[in-house]
Amino acid sequence: MSKAITQRPLTEMQKQFVKIYVESDGQLSKTECAKLAGYDDKSAYQRAYELTHPKHCLNVVQEIGRCRAEYNEKYKITPENHIQMLAKIRDQALSEKMYGVAGRMEELRGKATGLYVEKTMNLNKNEYDNLSEDELDQRMRKILEDHSEIMGIEIVNKKKKEIPDE
């Protein structure tokens, strides 16, 4: 690929495609981005393919990479800017007397700074763990008796016979 192709300036439609493609962040297909950028509906699929493949439009692909890096840097979440944004939303909510939203933003700011620690406890204790073998056998017989019609089986009420050791 020659330098002339990689350094060729983007057309206005290509610039618009790059902007829409990067800012949509995967929410729009390449074809939809091409249509929104002004490419004809009949050729938008092909133009989108060409615009996103280095073999066809290396200069556009490079611009997409540059804009994506810039976009990610601009909207990168850091603890500091996250807490600041929550504070801005809180302040706006307070000015509009939206006290529930303001309270929630303040709660989220506290969680982000570590003031609140959520603890949950899961007890996965099976009620059958402490039953004896006879108790388990009785429960199983009860289940079988209750559902024998559904299961199409006949229950025989015989006690388990013990086989003597030889």
N, C-alpha and C. Protein backbone atom coordinates (compact mmCIF):
# COMPACT_ATOMS: atom_id res chain seq x y z
N MET A 1 0.86 -1.17 0.00
CA MET A 1 0.00 0.00 0.00
C MET A 1 0.90 1.23 0.00
N SER A 2 0.63 2.15 -0.84
CA SER A 2 1.48 3.34 -0.96
C SER A 2 1.17 4.36 0.13
N LYS A 3 2.13 5.23 0.37
CA LYS A 3 1.94 6.29 1.37
C LYS A 3 0.81 7.22 0.96
N ALA A 4 0.65 7.42 -0.32
CA ALA A 4 -0.39 8.34 -0.82
C ALA A 4 -1.77 7.89 -0.37
N ILE A 5 -2.01 6.55 -0.35
CA ILE A 5 -3.32 6.04 0.05
C ILE A 5 -3.52 6.21 1.55
N THR A 6 -2.47 5.94 2.34
CA THR A 6 -2.62 6.03 3.80
C THR A 6 -2.73 7.48 4.26
N GLN A 7 -2.18 8.42 3.50
CA GLN A 7 -2.21 9.81 3.92
C GLN A 7 -3.28 10.62 3.19
N ARG A 8 -4.09 9.95 2.40
CA ARG A 8 -5.15 10.64 1.66
C ARG A 8 -6.15 11.21 2.67
N PRO A 9 -6.52 12.48 2.51
CA PRO A 9 -7.49 13.06 3.45
C PRO A 9 -8.87 12.42 3.28
N LEU A 10 -9.60 12.35 4.37
CA LEU A 10 -10.94 11.76 4.34
C LEU A 10 -11.93 12.73 3.71
N THR A 11 -12.89 12.16 3.01
CA THR A 11 -13.98 12.98 2.48
C THR A 11 -14.91 13.34 3.63
N GLU A 12 -15.81 14.26 3.41
CA GLU A 12 -16.77 14.65 4.45
C GLU A 12 -17.64 13.45 4.86
N MET A 13 -18.06 12.65 3.88
CA MET A 13 -18.89 11.49 4.20
C MET A 13 -18.10 10.46 5.00
N GLN A 14 -16.82 10.27 4.68
CA GLN A 14 -15.98 9.35 5.43
C GLN A 14 -15.80 9.85 6.86
N LYS A 15 -15.56 11.15 7.02
CA LYS A 15 -15.45 11.73 8.36
C LYS A 15 -16.73 11.51 9.16
N GLN A 16 -17.85 11.71 8.51
CA GLN A 16 -19.14 11.53 9.18
C GLN A 16 -19.33 10.06 9.57
N PHE A 17 -18.95 9.14 8.67
CA PHE A 17 -19.04 7.71 8.96
C PHE A 17 -18.19 7.36 10.18
N VAL A 18 -16.95 7.84 10.21
CA VAL A 18 -16.05 7.56 11.34
C VAL A 18 -16.67 8.06 12.64
N LYS A 19 -17.18 9.27 12.63
CA LYS A 19 -17.77 9.87 13.83
C LYS A 19 -18.96 9.02 14.32
N ILE A 20 -19.85 8.69 13.42
CA ILE A 20 -21.04 7.91 13.79
C ILE A 20 -20.63 6.52 14.25
N TYR A 21 -19.72 5.89 13.54
CA TYR A 21 -19.28 4.53 13.84
C TYR A 21 -18.64 4.45 15.23
N VAL A 22 -17.77 5.39 15.53
CA VAL A 22 -17.08 5.39 16.83
C VAL A 22 -18.05 5.71 17.95
N GLU A 23 -18.88 6.73 17.76
CA GLU A 23 -19.78 7.15 18.83
C GLU A 23 -20.92 6.17 19.08
N SER A 24 -21.29 5.37 18.06
CA SER A 24 -22.36 4.40 18.26
C SER A 24 -21.88 3.24 19.12
N ASP A 25 -20.56 3.03 19.16
CA ASP A 25 -19.94 2.04 20.03
C ASP A 25 -20.60 0.67 19.91
N GLY A 26 -20.87 0.24 18.68
CA GLY A 26 -21.44 -1.08 18.44
C GLY A 26 -22.95 -1.16 18.52
N GLN A 27 -23.61 -0.07 18.85
CA GLN A 27 -25.07 -0.09 18.95
C GLN A 27 -25.73 -0.02 17.57
N LEU A 28 -24.99 0.47 16.61
CA LEU A 28 -25.47 0.51 15.23
C LEU A 28 -24.58 -0.39 14.39
N SER A 29 -25.16 -0.99 13.37
CA SER A 29 -24.35 -1.80 12.46
C SER A 29 -23.53 -0.86 11.57
N LYS A 30 -22.53 -1.43 10.91
CA LYS A 30 -21.70 -0.63 10.00
C LYS A 30 -22.56 -0.05 8.88
N THR A 31 -23.52 -0.87 8.41
CA THR A 31 -24.40 -0.42 7.33
C THR A 31 -25.25 0.76 7.78
N GLU A 32 -25.79 0.68 9.00
CA GLU A 32 -26.59 1.79 9.53
C GLU A 32 -25.75 3.05 9.65
N CYS A 33 -24.49 2.89 10.08
CA CYS A 33 -23.59 4.05 10.19
C CYS A 33 -23.36 4.67 8.81
N ALA A 34 -23.18 3.82 7.80
CA ALA A 34 -22.95 4.33 6.45
C ALA A 34 -24.18 5.08 5.94
N LYS A 35 -25.36 4.55 6.21
CA LYS A 35 -26.59 5.24 5.78
C LYS A 35 -26.72 6.59 6.47
N LEU A 36 -26.46 6.62 7.77
CA LEU A 36 -26.55 7.88 8.52
C LEU A 36 -25.50 8.89 8.07
N ALA A 37 -24.38 8.38 7.56
CA ALA A 37 -23.32 9.27 7.08
C ALA A 37 -23.65 9.84 5.70
N GLY A 38 -24.70 9.32 5.07
CA GLY A 38 -25.12 9.87 3.79
C GLY A 38 -24.91 8.98 2.58
N TYR A 39 -24.41 7.76 2.80
CA TYR A 39 -24.23 6.85 1.68
C TYR A 39 -25.59 6.32 1.24
N ASP A 40 -25.71 6.04 -0.04
CA ASP A 40 -26.96 5.56 -0.62
C ASP A 40 -27.37 4.22 0.02
N ASP A 41 -28.66 4.08 0.29
CA ASP A 41 -29.18 2.86 0.92
C ASP A 41 -28.80 1.60 0.14
N LYS A 42 -28.79 1.70 -1.17
CA LYS A 42 -28.51 0.53 -2.01
C LYS A 42 -27.05 0.08 -1.93
N SER A 43 -26.15 1.00 -1.64
CA SER A 43 -24.73 0.64 -1.59
C SER A 43 -24.12 0.77 -0.19
N ALA A 44 -24.93 1.08 0.81
CA ALA A 44 -24.41 1.32 2.16
C ALA A 44 -23.68 0.11 2.73
N TYR A 45 -24.19 -1.09 2.48
CA TYR A 45 -23.55 -2.30 3.00
C TYR A 45 -22.14 -2.43 2.43
N GLN A 46 -22.01 -2.26 1.12
CA GLN A 46 -20.70 -2.37 0.47
C GLN A 46 -19.77 -1.25 0.92
N ARG A 47 -20.27 -0.01 1.02
CA ARG A 47 -19.44 1.10 1.46
C ARG A 47 -18.95 0.87 2.89
N ALA A 48 -19.83 0.36 3.75
CA ALA A 48 -19.45 0.10 5.15
C ALA A 48 -18.35 -0.95 5.21
N TYR A 49 -18.48 -1.98 4.39
CA TYR A 49 -17.44 -3.01 4.33
C TYR A 49 -16.11 -2.40 3.92
N GLU A 50 -16.13 -1.63 2.85
CA GLU A 50 -14.89 -1.03 2.33
C GLU A 50 -14.27 -0.05 3.33
N LEU A 51 -15.12 0.74 3.99
CA LEU A 51 -14.62 1.75 4.92
C LEU A 51 -13.98 1.15 6.17
N THR A 52 -14.31 -0.07 6.49
CA THR A 52 -13.79 -0.68 7.73
C THR A 52 -12.74 -1.75 7.46
N HIS A 53 -12.27 -1.86 6.23
CA HIS A 53 -11.23 -2.84 5.91
C HIS A 53 -9.99 -2.14 5.36
N PRO A 54 -8.83 -2.41 5.97
CA PRO A 54 -7.60 -1.73 5.58
C PRO A 54 -7.22 -1.95 4.12
N LYS A 55 -7.60 -3.07 3.56
CA LYS A 55 -7.27 -3.37 2.16
C LYS A 55 -7.89 -2.33 1.22
N HIS A 56 -9.05 -1.81 1.60
CA HIS A 56 -9.76 -0.88 0.74
C HIS A 56 -9.56 0.58 1.15
N CYS A 57 -9.65 0.86 2.45
CA CYS A 57 -9.58 2.25 2.93
C CYS A 57 -8.74 2.33 4.19
N LEU A 58 -7.44 2.15 4.05
CA LEU A 58 -6.54 2.17 5.20
C LEU A 58 -6.62 3.50 5.95
N ASN A 59 -6.75 4.59 5.22
CA ASN A 59 -6.81 5.91 5.87
C ASN A 59 -8.05 6.02 6.76
N VAL A 60 -9.17 5.45 6.37
CA VAL A 60 -10.39 5.49 7.18
C VAL A 60 -10.23 4.59 8.41
N VAL A 61 -9.67 3.41 8.21
CA VAL A 61 -9.45 2.48 9.33
C VAL A 61 -8.52 3.10 10.36
N GLN A 62 -7.47 3.76 9.90
CA GLN A 62 -6.55 4.44 10.82
C GLN A 62 -7.26 5.56 11.58
N GLU A 63 -8.12 6.29 10.90
CA GLU A 63 -8.87 7.37 11.56
C GLU A 63 -9.85 6.80 12.58
N ILE A 64 -10.47 5.66 12.25
CA ILE A 64 -11.36 5.00 13.21
C ILE A 64 -10.58 4.64 14.46
N GLY A 65 -9.39 4.07 14.29
CA GLY A 65 -8.55 3.71 15.45
C GLY A 65 -8.16 4.92 16.27
N ARG A 66 -7.77 5.99 15.59
CA ARG A 66 -7.38 7.22 16.30
C ARG A 66 -8.56 7.81 17.06
N CYS A 67 -9.72 7.89 16.41
CA CYS A 67 -10.91 8.45 17.06
C CYS A 67 -11.40 7.58 18.21
N ARG A 68 -11.31 6.27 18.03
CA ARG A 68 -11.74 5.35 19.09
C ARG A 68 -10.86 5.53 20.33
N ALA A 69 -9.55 5.66 20.14
CA ALA A 69 -8.64 5.86 21.27
C ALA A 69 -8.95 7.19 21.96
N GLU A 70 -9.19 8.23 21.16
CA GLU A 70 -9.52 9.54 21.70
C GLU A 70 -10.85 9.49 22.47
N TYR A 71 -11.82 8.83 21.89
CA TYR A 71 -13.15 8.69 22.50
C TYR A 71 -13.06 7.93 23.83
N ASN A 72 -12.28 6.83 23.82
CA ASN A 72 -12.13 6.04 25.05
C ASN A 72 -11.42 6.83 26.14
N GLU A 73 -10.44 7.62 25.75
CA GLU A 73 -9.73 8.45 26.73
C GLU A 73 -10.66 9.51 27.30
N LYS A 74 -11.46 10.10 26.45
CA LYS A 74 -12.38 11.16 26.88
C LYS A 74 -13.43 10.64 27.87
N TYR A 75 -13.94 9.44 27.61
CA TYR A 75 -15.01 8.90 28.44
C TYR A 75 -14.56 7.80 29.40
N LYS A 76 -13.27 7.71 29.61
CA LYS A 76 -12.73 6.71 30.51
C LYS A 76 -13.24 6.96 31.93
N ILE A 77 -13.61 5.90 32.58
CA ILE A 77 -14.10 6.03 33.95
C ILE A 77 -12.92 5.87 34.91
N THR A 78 -12.72 6.88 35.70
CA THR A 78 -11.75 6.81 36.79
C THR A 78 -12.54 7.07 38.07
N PRO A 79 -12.01 6.65 39.19
CA PRO A 79 -12.74 6.91 40.44
C PRO A 79 -13.04 8.40 40.63
N GLU A 80 -12.10 9.24 40.26
CA GLU A 80 -12.28 10.68 40.45
C GLU A 80 -13.40 11.24 39.58
N ASN A 81 -13.37 10.93 38.26
CA ASN A 81 -14.40 11.52 37.41
C ASN A 81 -15.76 10.86 37.64
N HIS A 82 -15.75 9.62 38.11
CA HIS A 82 -17.02 8.95 38.44
C HIS A 82 -17.69 9.66 39.63
N ILE A 83 -16.92 9.93 40.65
CA ILE A 83 -17.45 10.59 41.84
C ILE A 83 -17.89 12.02 41.50
N GLN A 84 -17.12 12.70 40.66
CA GLN A 84 -17.49 14.05 40.24
C GLN A 84 -18.80 14.06 39.46
N MET A 85 -18.97 13.09 38.57
CA MET A 85 -20.20 13.03 37.77
C MET A 85 -21.40 12.76 38.68
N LEU A 86 -21.24 11.86 39.64
CA LEU A 86 -22.34 11.60 40.57
C LEU A 86 -22.69 12.86 41.37
N ALA A 87 -21.66 13.64 41.73
CA ALA A 87 -21.90 14.88 42.47
C ALA A 87 -22.64 15.89 41.60
N LYS A 88 -22.29 15.98 40.32
CA LYS A 88 -22.98 16.90 39.40
C LYS A 88 -24.46 16.50 39.26
N ILE A 89 -24.69 15.21 39.11
CA ILE A 89 -26.08 14.74 38.98
C ILE A 89 -26.84 15.02 40.28
N ARG A 90 -26.19 14.79 41.42
CA ARG A 90 -26.81 15.08 42.71
C ARG A 90 -27.18 16.55 42.82
N ASP A 91 -26.23 17.43 42.47
CA ASP A 91 -26.48 18.87 42.56
C ASP A 91 -27.62 19.30 41.65
N GLN A 92 -27.65 18.77 40.43
CA GLN A 92 -28.73 19.09 39.49
C GLN A 92 -30.08 18.60 40.05
N ALA A 93 -30.07 17.41 40.62
CA ALA A 93 -31.30 16.87 41.19
C ALA A 93 -31.78 17.71 42.37
N LEU A 94 -30.86 18.15 43.20
CA LEU A 94 -31.24 19.01 44.32
C LEU A 94 -31.83 20.32 43.84
N SER A 95 -31.24 20.89 42.79
CA SER A 95 -31.75 22.17 42.28
C SER A 95 -33.15 22.02 41.68
N GLU A 96 -33.48 20.82 41.24
CA GLU A 96 -34.81 20.56 40.69
C GLU A 96 -35.74 19.88 41.70
N LYS A 97 -35.29 19.87 42.97
CA LYS A 97 -36.07 19.30 44.07
C LYS A 97 -36.41 17.82 43.84
N MET A 98 -35.47 17.10 43.25
CA MET A 98 -35.61 15.66 43.03
C MET A 98 -34.79 14.97 44.12
N TYR A 99 -35.34 14.96 45.33
CA TYR A 99 -34.58 14.52 46.49
C TYR A 99 -34.27 13.03 46.47
N GLY A 100 -35.12 12.23 45.89
CA GLY A 100 -34.85 10.79 45.79
C GLY A 100 -33.62 10.52 44.93
N VAL A 101 -33.55 11.18 43.78
CA VAL A 101 -32.40 11.02 42.89
C VAL A 101 -31.14 11.55 43.57
N ALA A 102 -31.25 12.70 44.22
CA ALA A 102 -30.10 13.28 44.91
C ALA A 102 -29.59 12.35 46.00
N GLY A 103 -30.51 11.78 46.75
CA GLY A 103 -30.12 10.83 47.80
C GLY A 103 -29.44 9.60 47.22
N ARG A 104 -29.96 9.10 46.11
CA ARG A 104 -29.36 7.92 45.47
C ARG A 104 -27.96 8.23 44.95
N MET A 105 -27.76 9.43 44.39
CA MET A 105 -26.44 9.81 43.89
C MET A 105 -25.44 9.91 45.05
N GLU A 106 -25.90 10.45 46.16
CA GLU A 106 -25.02 10.57 47.32
C GLU A 106 -24.67 9.18 47.87
N GLU A 107 -25.64 8.29 47.86
CA GLU A 107 -25.39 6.90 48.28
C GLU A 107 -24.35 6.26 47.36
N LEU A 108 -24.49 6.44 46.05
CA LEU A 108 -23.55 5.85 45.10
C LEU A 108 -22.16 6.47 45.25
N ARG A 109 -22.09 7.75 45.55
CA ARG A 109 -20.79 8.37 45.80
C ARG A 109 -20.13 7.74 47.02
N GLY A 110 -20.93 7.51 48.06
CA GLY A 110 -20.39 6.86 49.26
C GLY A 110 -19.88 5.46 48.98
N LYS A 111 -20.63 4.72 48.16
CA LYS A 111 -20.18 3.37 47.80
C LYS A 111 -18.91 3.42 46.97
N ALA A 112 -18.82 4.38 46.06
CA ALA A 112 -17.64 4.50 45.20
C ALA A 112 -16.40 4.85 46.01
N THR A 113 -16.56 5.58 47.09
CA THR A 113 -15.41 5.95 47.91
C THR A 113 -15.14 4.95 49.03
N GLY A 114 -15.98 3.93 49.14
CA GLY A 114 -15.75 2.89 50.14
C GLY A 114 -16.37 3.15 51.49
N LEU A 115 -17.26 4.14 51.59
CA LEU A 115 -17.90 4.42 52.88
C LEU A 115 -18.92 3.35 53.25
N TYR A 116 -19.50 2.72 52.26
CA TYR A 116 -20.49 1.68 52.51
C TYR A 116 -19.94 0.35 51.99
N VAL A 117 -20.13 -0.68 52.77
CA VAL A 117 -19.72 -2.00 52.34
C VAL A 117 -20.95 -2.90 52.40
N GLU A 118 -21.31 -3.45 51.26
CA GLU A 118 -22.47 -4.33 51.23
C GLU A 118 -22.02 -5.74 51.54
N LYS A 119 -22.73 -6.35 52.47
CA LYS A 119 -22.42 -7.73 52.83
C LYS A 119 -23.66 -8.57 52.63
N THR A 120 -23.47 -9.70 52.03
CA THR A 120 -24.56 -10.65 51.88
C THR A 120 -24.10 -11.99 52.38
N MET A 121 -25.05 -12.75 52.89
CA MET A 121 -24.71 -14.05 53.42
C MET A 121 -25.66 -15.08 52.80
N ASN A 122 -25.08 -16.09 52.24
CA ASN A 122 -25.88 -17.17 51.67
C ASN A 122 -25.64 -18.44 52.47
N LEU A 123 -26.69 -18.98 53.00
CA LEU A 123 -26.59 -20.24 53.72
C LEU A 123 -27.20 -21.32 52.85
N ASN A 124 -26.36 -22.18 52.37
CA ASN A 124 -26.83 -23.26 51.52
C ASN A 124 -26.85 -24.56 52.32
N LYS A 125 -27.69 -24.58 53.31
CA LYS A 125 -27.80 -25.75 54.17
C LYS A 125 -28.98 -26.56 53.69
N ASN A 126 -28.74 -27.78 53.35
CA ASN A 126 -29.78 -28.65 52.86
C ASN A 126 -30.44 -29.33 54.06
N GLU A 127 -31.75 -29.28 54.11
CA GLU A 127 -32.46 -29.87 55.25
C GLU A 127 -32.27 -31.38 55.32
N TYR A 128 -31.86 -31.99 54.22
CA TYR A 128 -31.69 -33.44 54.20
C TYR A 128 -30.33 -33.89 54.71
N ASP A 129 -29.42 -32.95 54.93
CA ASP A 129 -28.08 -33.30 55.37
C ASP A 129 -28.06 -33.97 56.75
N ASN A 130 -28.98 -33.60 57.62
CA ASN A 130 -28.96 -34.12 58.99
C ASN A 130 -29.91 -35.30 59.22
N LEU A 131 -30.55 -35.78 58.17
CA LEU A 131 -31.48 -36.89 58.32
C LEU A 131 -30.75 -38.22 58.27
N SER A 132 -31.29 -39.18 59.05
CA SER A 132 -30.71 -40.52 59.03
C SER A 132 -31.16 -41.24 57.76
N GLU A 133 -30.59 -42.41 57.52
CA GLU A 133 -30.95 -43.18 56.33
C GLU A 133 -32.41 -43.60 56.38
N ASP A 134 -32.91 -43.99 57.57
CA ASP A 134 -34.32 -44.38 57.70
C ASP A 134 -35.25 -43.20 57.44
N GLU A 135 -34.89 -42.01 57.94
CA GLU A 135 -35.71 -40.83 57.71
C GLU A 135 -35.74 -40.46 56.23
N LEU A 136 -34.61 -40.58 55.57
CA LEU A 136 -34.56 -40.32 54.13
C LEU A 136 -35.40 -41.33 53.36
N ASP A 137 -35.34 -42.59 53.79
CA ASP A 137 -36.13 -43.64 53.15
C ASP A 137 -37.62 -43.36 53.31
N GLN A 138 -38.04 -42.92 54.49
CA GLN A 138 -39.45 -42.60 54.73
C GLN A 138 -39.89 -41.43 53.85
N ARG A 139 -39.06 -40.41 53.74
CA ARG A 139 -39.41 -39.26 52.89
C ARG A 139 -39.54 -39.67 51.43
N MET A 140 -38.65 -40.53 50.98
CA MET A 140 -38.69 -40.98 49.60
C MET A 140 -39.95 -41.80 49.34
N ARG A 141 -40.31 -42.67 50.27
CA ARG A 141 -41.54 -43.45 50.12
C ARG A 141 -42.76 -42.54 50.06
N LYS A 142 -42.77 -41.50 50.90
CA LYS A 142 -43.89 -40.55 50.91
C LYS A 142 -44.00 -39.85 49.55
N ILE A 143 -42.89 -39.43 49.01
CA ILE A 143 -42.89 -38.77 47.70
C ILE A 143 -43.40 -39.73 46.64
N LEU A 144 -42.91 -40.96 46.67
CA LEU A 144 -43.36 -41.95 45.69
C LEU A 144 -44.84 -42.24 45.82
N GLU A 145 -45.35 -42.34 47.03
CA GLU A 145 -46.77 -42.60 47.25
C GLU A 145 -47.62 -41.43 46.75
N ASP A 146 -47.19 -40.22 47.04
CA ASP A 146 -47.94 -39.04 46.63
C ASP A 146 -47.99 -38.87 45.11
N HIS A 147 -46.98 -39.36 44.43
CA HIS A 147 -46.88 -39.12 42.99
C HIS A 147 -46.88 -40.40 42.16
N SER A 148 -47.28 -41.50 42.77
CA SER A 148 -47.24 -42.78 42.05
C SER A 148 -48.15 -42.80 40.84
N GLU A 149 -49.31 -42.14 40.93
CA GLU A 149 -50.23 -42.13 39.79
C GLU A 149 -49.63 -41.40 38.61
N ILE A 150 -48.97 -40.30 38.89
CA ILE A 150 -48.33 -39.52 37.83
C ILE A 150 -47.19 -40.31 37.20
N MET A 151 -46.43 -40.99 38.05
CA MET A 151 -45.25 -41.71 37.58
C MET A 151 -45.60 -43.07 36.98
N GLY A 152 -46.83 -43.52 37.20
CA GLY A 152 -47.26 -44.80 36.63
C GLY A 152 -46.58 -45.99 37.27
N ILE A 153 -46.39 -45.92 38.59
CA ILE A 153 -45.75 -47.04 39.28
C ILE A 153 -46.64 -47.51 40.42
N GLU A 154 -46.40 -48.73 40.85
CA GLU A 154 -47.14 -49.28 41.98
C GLU A 154 -46.19 -49.37 43.16
N ILE A 155 -46.64 -48.86 44.29
CA ILE A 155 -45.81 -48.83 45.49
C ILE A 155 -46.08 -50.08 46.31
N VAL A 156 -45.04 -50.76 46.67
CA VAL A 156 -45.15 -51.94 47.52
C VAL A 156 -44.65 -51.53 48.90
N ASN A 157 -45.51 -51.67 49.91
CA ASN A 157 -45.15 -51.27 51.27
C ASN A 157 -44.44 -52.39 51.99
N LYS A 158 -43.25 -52.64 51.63
CA LYS A 158 -42.43 -53.64 52.30
C LYS A 158 -41.29 -52.91 52.97
N LYS A 159 -40.96 -53.38 54.14
CA LYS A 159 -39.81 -52.82 54.82
C LYS A 159 -38.54 -53.41 54.21
N LYS A 160 -37.51 -52.68 54.28
CA LYS A 160 -36.24 -53.13 53.75
C LYS A 160 -35.76 -54.31 54.60
N LYS A 161 -35.46 -55.38 53.94
CA LYS A 161 -34.97 -56.57 54.65
C LYS A 161 -33.46 -56.49 54.75
N GLU A 162 -32.99 -56.85 55.91
CA GLU A 162 -31.57 -56.84 56.12
C GLU A 162 -31.02 -58.22 55.74
N ILE A 163 -29.95 -58.24 55.02
CA ILE A 163 -29.32 -59.50 54.63
C ILE A 163 -28.21 -59.80 55.61
N PRO A 164 -28.31 -60.94 56.27
CA PRO A 164 -27.26 -61.27 57.27
C PRO A 164 -25.94 -61.54 56.57
N ASP A 165 -24.87 -61.21 57.26
CA ASP A 165 -23.54 -61.47 56.72
C ASP A 165 -23.29 -62.97 56.70
N GLU A 166 -22.67 -63.45 55.70
CA GLU A 166 -22.38 -64.91 55.60
C GLU A 166 -21.03 -65.21 56.13
